[in-house]
C-alpha atoms as a PDB file:
ATOM      1  CA  UNK A   1     -10.485-250.967  23.645  1.00  0.00           C
ATOM      2  CA  UNK A   2     -14.047-251.869  24.014  1.00  0.00           C
ATOM      3  CA  UNK A   3     -16.070-249.634  26.288  1.00  0.00           C
ATOM      4  CA  UNK A   4     -19.832-250.034  27.930  1.00  0.00           C
ATOM      5  CA  UNK A   5     -22.619-248.556  26.237  1.00  0.00           C
ATOM      6  CA  UNK A   6     -23.015-245.983  28.848  1.00  0.00           C
ATOM      7  CA  UNK A   7     -19.490-244.656  28.376  1.00  0.00           C
ATOM      8  CA  UNK A   8     -19.906-244.552  24.525  1.00  0.00           C
ATOM      9  CA  UNK A   9     -23.516-243.219  24.328  1.00  0.00           C
ATOM     10  CA  UNK A  10     -24.514-241.539  27.495  1.00  0.00           C
ATOM     11  CA  UNK A  11     -24.236-237.859  28.424  1.00  0.00           C
ATOM     12  CA  UNK A  12     -23.380-239.075  31.864  1.00  0.00           C
ATOM     13  CA  UNK A  13     -24.436-236.087  33.842  1.00  0.00           C
ATOM     14  CA  UNK A  14     -27.729-237.356  35.068  1.00  0.00           C
ATOM     15  CA  UNK A  15     -29.646-240.541  35.719  1.00  0.00           C
ATOM     16  CA  UNK A  16     -33.503-240.463  34.638  1.00  0.00           C
ATOM     17  CA  UNK A  17     -36.222-242.600  35.864  1.00  0.00           C
ATOM     18  CA  UNK A  18     -39.445-243.338  33.838  1.00  0.00           C
ATOM     19  CA  UNK A  19     -42.318-244.465  35.684  1.00  0.00           C
ATOM     20  CA  UNK A  20     -45.505-245.931  34.236  1.00  0.00           C
ATOM     21  CA  UNK A  21     -48.530-246.306  36.338  1.00  0.00           C
ATOM     22  CA  UNK A  22     -51.421-248.308  35.357  1.00  0.00           C
ATOM     23  CA  UNK A  23     -54.396-246.769  37.284  1.00  0.00           C
ATOM     24  CA  UNK A  24     -57.829-248.283  38.039  1.00  0.00           C
ATOM     25  CA  UNK A  25     -60.254-246.824  35.777  1.00  0.00           C
ATOM     26  CA  UNK A  26     -62.590-245.830  38.779  1.00  0.00           C
ATOM     27  CA  UNK A  27     -59.771-244.246  40.728  1.00  0.00           C
ATOM     28  CA  UNK A  28     -58.277-241.827  38.085  1.00  0.00           C
ATOM     29  CA  UNK A  29     -59.655-238.906  39.819  1.00  0.00           C
ATOM     30  CA  UNK A  30     -58.310-239.821  43.249  1.00  0.00           C
ATOM     31  CA  UNK A  31     -54.848-240.777  41.626  1.00  0.00           C
ATOM     32  CA  UNK A  32     -54.544-237.379  40.035  1.00  0.00           C
ATOM     33  CA  UNK A  33     -55.330-235.555  43.179  1.00  0.00           C
ATOM     34  CA  UNK A  34     -52.801-237.724  45.299  1.00  0.00           C
ATOM     35  CA  UNK A  35     -50.015-237.459  42.819  1.00  0.00           C
ATOM     36  CA  UNK A  36     -50.725-233.957  41.897  1.00  0.00           C
ATOM     37  CA  UNK A  37     -50.083-233.089  45.516  1.00  0.00           C
ATOM     38  CA  UNK A  38     -47.056-235.428  46.365  1.00  0.00           C
ATOM     39  CA  UNK A  39     -44.890-235.295  43.189  1.00  0.00           C
ATOM     40  CA  UNK A  40     -44.505-231.493  42.992  1.00  0.00           C
ATOM     41  CA  UNK A  41     -43.614-231.493  46.675  1.00  0.00           C
ATOM     42  CA  UNK A  42     -40.921-234.121  46.261  1.00  0.00           C
ATOM     43  CA  UNK A  43     -39.486-232.217  43.240  1.00  0.00           C
ATOM     44  CA  UNK A  44     -39.337-228.839  44.975  1.00  0.00           C
ATOM     45  CA  UNK A  45     -37.827-230.240  48.240  1.00  0.00           C
ATOM     46  CA  UNK A  46     -34.235-229.110  47.959  1.00  0.00           C
ATOM     47  CA  UNK A  47     -33.067-231.781  50.251  1.00  0.00           C
ATOM     48  CA  UNK A  48     -33.824-234.255  47.352  1.00  0.00           C
ATOM     49  CA  UNK A  49     -31.346-234.733  44.591  1.00  0.00           C
ATOM     50  CA  UNK A  50     -33.828-234.840  41.882  1.00  0.00           C
ATOM     51  CA  UNK A  51     -36.330-232.841  39.828  1.00  0.00           C
ATOM     52  CA  UNK A  52     -39.434-233.776  37.907  1.00  0.00           C
ATOM     53  CA  UNK A  53     -39.076-233.581  34.086  1.00  0.00           C
ATOM     54  CA  UNK A  54     -42.790-234.106  33.517  1.00  0.00           C
ATOM     55  CA  UNK A  55     -46.013-236.016  34.232  1.00  0.00           C
ATOM     56  CA  UNK A  56     -48.363-237.047  31.467  1.00  0.00           C
ATOM     57  CA  UNK A  57     -51.604-239.035  31.030  1.00  0.00           C
ATOM     58  CA  UNK A  58     -52.111-241.471  27.935  1.00  0.00           C
ATOM     59  CA  UNK A  59     -54.611-240.202  25.563  1.00  0.00           C
ATOM     60  CA  UNK A  60     -53.898-242.725  22.843  1.00  0.00           C
ATOM     61  CA  UNK A  61     -52.475-246.070  23.853  1.00  0.00           C
ATOM     62  CA  UNK A  62     -52.820-247.785  27.138  1.00  0.00           C
ATOM     63  CA  UNK A  63     -55.551-245.667  28.625  1.00  0.00           C
ATOM     64  CA  UNK A  64     -55.763-244.826  32.308  1.00  0.00           C
ATOM     65  CA  UNK A  65     -51.918-244.866  32.125  1.00  0.00           C
ATOM     66  CA  UNK A  66     -49.718-242.074  33.473  1.00  0.00           C
ATOM     67  CA  UNK A  67     -46.105-241.473  32.576  1.00  0.00           C
ATOM     68  CA  UNK A  68     -43.653-239.597  34.823  1.00  0.00           C
ATOM     69  CA  UNK A  69     -39.973-238.911  34.046  1.00  0.00           C
ATOM     70  CA  UNK A  70     -37.599-237.878  36.828  1.00  0.00           C
ATOM     71  CA  UNK A  71     -34.108-236.568  36.727  1.00  0.00           C
ATOM     72  CA  UNK A  72     -31.594-237.307  39.452  1.00  0.00           C
ATOM     73  CA  UNK A  73     -28.117-236.078  40.165  1.00  0.00           C
ATOM     74  CA  UNK A  74     -26.410-239.448  39.075  1.00  0.00           C
ATOM     75  CA  UNK A  75     -27.014-242.710  40.757  1.00  0.00           C
ATOM     76  CA  UNK A  76     -25.934-241.180  44.046  1.00  0.00           C
ATOM     77  CA  UNK A  77     -28.812-238.678  43.803  1.00  0.00           C
ATOM     78  CA  UNK A  78     -31.223-241.481  43.122  1.00  0.00           C
ATOM     79  CA  UNK A  79     -30.006-243.412  46.078  1.00  0.00           C
ATOM     80  CA  UNK A  80     -29.904-240.309  48.289  1.00  0.00           C
ATOM     81  CA  UNK A  81     -33.465-239.231  47.382  1.00  0.00           C
ATOM     82  CA  UNK A  82     -35.033-242.529  47.962  1.00  0.00           C
ATOM     83  CA  UNK A  83     -33.295-243.109  51.251  1.00  0.00           C
ATOM     84  CA  UNK A  84     -34.451-239.776  52.428  1.00  0.00           C
ATOM     85  CA  UNK A  85     -37.965-240.521  51.256  1.00  0.00           C
ATOM     86  CA  UNK A  86     -38.055-243.782  52.898  1.00  0.00           C
ATOM     87  CA  UNK A  87     -37.276-242.204  56.267  1.00  0.00           C
ATOM     88  CA  UNK A  88     -40.249-239.953  55.911  1.00  0.00           C
ATOM     89  CA  UNK A  89     -43.542-241.107  57.315  1.00  0.00           C
ATOM     90  CA  UNK A  90     -45.608-239.066  54.793  1.00  0.00           C
ATOM     91  CA  UNK A  91     -43.983-240.800  51.842  1.00  0.00           C
ATOM     92  CA  UNK A  92     -44.915-244.332  53.406  1.00  0.00           C
ATOM     93  CA  UNK A  93     -48.467-243.096  53.656  1.00  0.00           C
ATOM     94  CA  UNK A  94     -48.285-241.920  50.019  1.00  0.00           C
ATOM     95  CA  UNK A  95     -47.116-245.328  48.937  1.00  0.00           C
ATOM     96  CA  UNK A  96     -49.792-247.085  50.715  1.00  0.00           C
ATOM     97  CA  UNK A  97     -52.503-244.776  49.276  1.00  0.00           C
ATOM     98  CA  UNK A  98     -51.067-245.070  45.747  1.00  0.00           C
ATOM     99  CA  UNK A  99     -51.169-248.950  46.015  1.00  0.00           C
ATOM    100  CA  UNK A 100     -54.923-248.774  46.292  1.00  0.00           C
ATOM    101  CA  UNK A 101     -55.357-246.626  43.122  1.00  0.00           C
ATOM    102  CA  UNK A 102     -53.199-248.565  40.620  1.00  0.00           C
ATOM    103  CA  UNK A 103     -53.441-251.919  38.835  1.00  0.00           C
ATOM    104  CA  UNK A 104     -49.595-252.075  38.299  1.00  0.00           C
ATOM    105  CA  UNK A 105     -46.463-250.002  37.782  1.00  0.00           C
ATOM    106  CA  UNK A 106     -42.910-250.139  36.768  1.00  0.00           C
ATOM    107  CA  UNK A 107     -39.769-247.968  36.919  1.00  0.00           C
ATOM    108  CA  UNK A 108     -36.875-248.105  34.617  1.00  0.00           C
ATOM    109  CA  UNK A 109     -33.536-246.262  35.048  1.00  0.00           C
ATOM    110  CA  UNK A 110     -32.380-244.547  31.842  1.00  0.00           C
ATOM    111  CA  UNK A 111     -29.386-242.510  30.623  1.00  0.00           C
ATOM    112  CA  UNK A 112     -29.655-239.510  28.198  1.00  0.00           C
ATOM    113  CA  UNK A 113     -28.132-239.942  24.796  1.00  0.00           C
ATOM    114  CA  UNK A 114     -25.005-237.780  24.685  1.00  0.00           C
ATOM    115  CA  UNK A 115     -26.300-235.668  21.578  1.00  0.00           C
ATOM    116  CA  UNK A 116     -29.757-234.810  23.063  1.00  0.00           C
ATOM    117  CA  UNK A 117     -29.883-233.307  26.513  1.00  0.00           C
ATOM    118  CA  UNK A 118     -33.376-233.516  28.306  1.00  0.00           C
ATOM    119  CA  UNK A 119     -35.360-230.313  27.931  1.00  0.00           C
ATOM    120  CA  UNK A 120     -35.496-227.939  30.831  1.00  0.00           C
ATOM    121  CA  UNK A 121     -39.086-226.823  32.080  1.00  0.00           C
ATOM    122  CA  UNK A 122     -40.980-225.213  29.428  1.00  0.00           C
ATOM    123  CA  UNK A 123     -44.684-224.604  28.493  1.00  0.00           C
ATOM    124  CA  UNK A 124     -45.496-224.734  24.832  1.00  0.00           C
ATOM    125  CA  UNK A 125     -48.861-226.396  25.079  1.00  0.00           C
ATOM    126  CA  UNK A 126     -50.220-229.141  22.893  1.00  0.00           C
ATOM    127  CA  UNK A 127     -49.600-233.004  22.954  1.00  0.00           C
ATOM    128  CA  UNK A 128     -46.611-235.271  23.387  1.00  0.00           C
ATOM    129  CA  UNK A 129     -45.609-238.459  21.666  1.00  0.00           C
ATOM    130  CA  UNK A 130     -43.665-241.061  23.470  1.00  0.00           C
ATOM    131  CA  UNK A 131     -42.032-243.559  21.063  1.00  0.00           C
ATOM    132  CA  UNK A 132     -40.504-246.628  22.603  1.00  0.00           C
ATOM    133  CA  UNK A 133     -38.355-249.076  20.754  1.00  0.00           C
ATOM    134  CA  UNK A 134     -37.018-252.340  21.694  1.00  0.00           C
ATOM    135  CA  UNK A 135     -33.700-252.900  19.950  1.00  0.00           C
ATOM    136  CA  UNK A 136     -32.171-256.403  19.208  1.00  0.00           C
ATOM    137  CA  UNK A 137     -29.729-257.453  21.867  1.00  0.00           C
ATOM    138  CA  UNK A 138     -26.232-256.355  21.003  1.00  0.00           C
ATOM    139  CA  UNK A 139     -27.307-253.934  18.388  1.00  0.00           C
ATOM    140  CA  UNK A 140     -27.854-250.721  20.694  1.00  0.00           C
ATOM    141  CA  UNK A 141     -24.523-249.052  19.771  1.00  0.00           C
ATOM    142  CA  UNK A 142     -25.239-249.602  16.102  1.00  0.00           C
ATOM    143  CA  UNK A 143     -28.794-248.049  16.412  1.00  0.00           C
ATOM    144  CA  UNK A 144     -27.273-245.073  18.312  1.00  0.00           C
ATOM    145  CA  UNK A 145     -24.755-244.314  15.526  1.00  0.00           C
ATOM    146  CA  UNK A 146     -27.472-244.212  12.909  1.00  0.00           C
ATOM    147  CA  UNK A 147     -30.064-242.303  14.929  1.00  0.00           C
ATOM    148  CA  UNK A 148     -27.451-239.739  16.089  1.00  0.00           C
ATOM    149  CA  UNK A 149     -27.372-238.529  12.415  1.00  0.00           C
ATOM    150  CA  UNK A 150     -31.169-239.115  11.785  1.00  0.00           C
ATOM    151  CA  UNK A 151     -32.436-237.232  14.787  1.00  0.00           C
ATOM    152  CA  UNK A 152     -30.348-234.182  13.844  1.00  0.00           C
ATOM    153  CA  UNK A 153     -32.417-234.135  10.717  1.00  0.00           C
ATOM    154  CA  UNK A 154     -35.604-234.689  12.315  1.00  0.00           C
ATOM    155  CA  UNK A 155     -35.176-231.983  14.936  1.00  0.00           C
ATOM    156  CA  UNK A 156     -35.225-229.530  12.112  1.00  0.00           C
ATOM    157  CA  UNK A 157     -38.963-230.131  11.765  1.00  0.00           C
ATOM    158  CA  UNK A 158     -39.974-231.506  15.151  1.00  0.00           C
ATOM    159  CA  UNK A 159     -39.730-230.208  18.734  1.00  0.00           C
ATOM    160  CA  UNK A 160     -37.827-232.787  20.865  1.00  0.00           C
ATOM    161  CA  UNK A 161     -38.038-233.203  24.607  1.00  0.00           C
ATOM    162  CA  UNK A 162     -35.517-235.928  25.232  1.00  0.00           C
ATOM    163  CA  UNK A 163     -34.070-239.429  24.116  1.00  0.00           C
ATOM    164  CA  UNK A 164     -33.015-241.979  26.486  1.00  0.00           C
ATOM    165  CA  UNK A 165     -31.909-245.627  26.703  1.00  0.00           C
ATOM    166  CA  UNK A 166     -32.740-247.935  29.604  1.00  0.00           C
ATOM    167  CA  UNK A 167     -29.815-249.092  31.661  1.00  0.00           C
ATOM    168  CA  UNK A 168     -31.636-250.824  34.486  1.00  0.00           C
ATOM    169  CA  UNK A 169     -35.135-252.433  33.855  1.00  0.00           C
ATOM    170  CA  UNK A 170     -36.195-252.879  30.186  1.00  0.00           C
ATOM    171  CA  UNK A 171     -32.768-253.375  28.658  1.00  0.00           C
ATOM    172  CA  UNK A 172     -32.381-252.560  24.946  1.00  0.00           C
ATOM    173  CA  UNK A 173     -35.122-250.112  25.239  1.00  0.00           C
ATOM    174  CA  UNK A 174     -35.097-246.627  23.848  1.00  0.00           C
ATOM    175  CA  UNK A 175     -37.581-243.756  24.530  1.00  0.00           C
ATOM    176  CA  UNK A 176     -37.980-240.592  22.369  1.00  0.00           C
ATOM    177  CA  UNK A 177     -40.288-237.894  23.420  1.00  0.00           C
ATOM    178  CA  UNK A 178     -41.617-235.218  21.053  1.00  0.00           C
ATOM    179  CA  UNK A 179     -43.914-232.288  21.491  1.00  0.00           C
ATOM    180  CA  UNK A 180     -46.566-231.041  18.876  1.00  0.00           C
ATOM    181  CA  UNK A 181     -49.387-228.606  18.836  1.00  0.00           C
ATOM    182  CA  UNK A 182     -51.840-231.301  17.861  1.00  0.00           C
ATOM    183  CA  UNK A 183     -52.068-234.576  15.852  1.00  0.00           C
ATOM    184  CA  UNK A 184     -52.206-232.585  12.496  1.00  0.00           C
ATOM    185  CA  UNK A 185     -49.025-230.877  13.248  1.00  0.00           C
ATOM    186  CA  UNK A 186     -47.552-234.248  14.015  1.00  0.00           C
ATOM    187  CA  UNK A 187     -48.751-235.643  10.807  1.00  0.00           C
ATOM    188  CA  UNK A 188     -47.229-232.751   8.692  1.00  0.00           C
ATOM    189  CA  UNK A 189     -43.857-232.853  10.549  1.00  0.00           C
ATOM    190  CA  UNK A 190     -43.400-236.562  10.172  1.00  0.00           C
ATOM    191  CA  UNK A 191     -44.071-236.080   6.380  1.00  0.00           C
ATOM    192  CA  UNK A 192     -41.582-233.260   6.251  1.00  0.00           C
ATOM    193  CA  UNK A 193     -38.986-235.355   7.934  1.00  0.00           C
ATOM    194  CA  UNK A 194     -38.644-237.390   4.653  1.00  0.00           C
ATOM    195  CA  UNK A 195     -37.397-234.212   3.002  1.00  0.00           C
ATOM    196  CA  UNK A 196     -34.633-233.809   5.365  1.00  0.00           C
ATOM    197  CA  UNK A 197     -31.322-235.001   4.249  1.00  0.00           C
ATOM    198  CA  UNK A 198     -30.146-238.267   6.065  1.00  0.00           C
ATOM    199  CA  UNK A 199     -33.541-239.171   7.454  1.00  0.00           C
ATOM    200  CA  UNK A 200     -34.649-241.907   4.764  1.00  0.00           C
ATOM    201  CA  UNK A 201     -31.076-243.489   5.324  1.00  0.00           C
ATOM    202  CA  UNK A 202     -31.622-243.575   9.023  1.00  0.00           C
ATOM    203  CA  UNK A 203     -34.971-245.420   8.698  1.00  0.00           C
ATOM    204  CA  UNK A 204     -33.445-247.851   6.184  1.00  0.00           C
ATOM    205  CA  UNK A 205     -30.571-248.773   8.523  1.00  0.00           C
ATOM    206  CA  UNK A 206     -32.479-248.805  11.881  1.00  0.00           C
ATOM    207  CA  UNK A 207     -35.658-250.581  11.059  1.00  0.00           C
ATOM    208  CA  UNK A 208     -33.865-254.082  10.842  1.00  0.00           C
ATOM    209  CA  UNK A 209     -32.522-253.442  14.310  1.00  0.00           C
ATOM    210  CA  UNK A 210     -35.961-253.171  15.882  1.00  0.00           C
ATOM    211  CA  UNK A 211     -37.675-256.031  17.842  1.00  0.00           C
ATOM    212  CA  UNK A 212     -40.707-254.039  18.872  1.00  0.00           C
ATOM    213  CA  UNK A 213     -41.821-250.462  18.792  1.00  0.00           C
ATOM    214  CA  UNK A 214     -44.775-248.494  20.435  1.00  0.00           C
ATOM    215  CA  UNK A 215     -46.186-245.053  20.314  1.00  0.00           C
ATOM    216  CA  UNK A 216     -48.204-243.274  22.942  1.00  0.00           C
ATOM    217  CA  UNK A 217     -49.931-239.928  22.653  1.00  0.00           C
ATOM    218  CA  UNK A 218     -49.730-238.114  25.991  1.00  0.00           C
ATOM    219  CA  UNK A 219     -51.232-234.960  27.543  1.00  0.00           C
ATOM    220  CA  UNK A 220     -49.330-233.161  30.307  1.00  0.00           C
ATOM    221  CA  UNK A 221     -50.738-232.894  33.733  1.00  0.00           C
ATOM    222  CA  UNK A 222     -51.248-229.444  35.453  1.00  0.00           C
ATOM    223  CA  UNK A 223     -48.204-229.707  37.595  1.00  0.00           C
ATOM    224  CA  UNK A 224     -45.877-231.029  34.743  1.00  0.00           C
ATOM    225  CA  UNK A 225     -42.758-228.839  34.378  1.00  0.00           C
ATOM    226  CA  UNK A 226     -42.473-229.692  30.704  1.00  0.00           C
ATOM    227  CA  UNK A 227     -45.930-229.013  29.305  1.00  0.00           C
END
């Protein structure tokens, strides 16, 4: 019997949200101050059914762009958190202030791949790479089957943070987040991947399934739990 992608591929324990904020270049400092005060407060409020995985600024890619990943206790946790925030006057004030600092923003809701739970808070230092793939419609399960094998090989030489597929928002989109000491370590690790059994086969089988791909180099913000 056929099942939905979320039933077959997802871990199913949490719902993750990826927020991408395009900030006005002349307002970056104000943005960092505002979000750096509000987001940690939301994450540590026990009345909310969520926690912040991490916050990063793009260093290579779309400049003046910030990425935030949240983890919610399922869709109920997402709904309860935003219902609670919507009833808070300070959150409305935050939204109004934020609107003056950004050019645009988007939020997608994601599920973790079952074979790769999102990293808990940690501080290893260095840089992060967010790799985003748009997969051909109808081919996501095929993609997951090959990447399940390939990522096990790649994780032998690279430090992974998490892997998710979008369920609401940018459909057929996959995000992988990796952590490195620096760009040189990234280069070496990617070269070493080709020596891992199964990696070349994964690339050979998944490249034809890709419609678009993008890479961003990120640096963690001071309040980011994963840094």
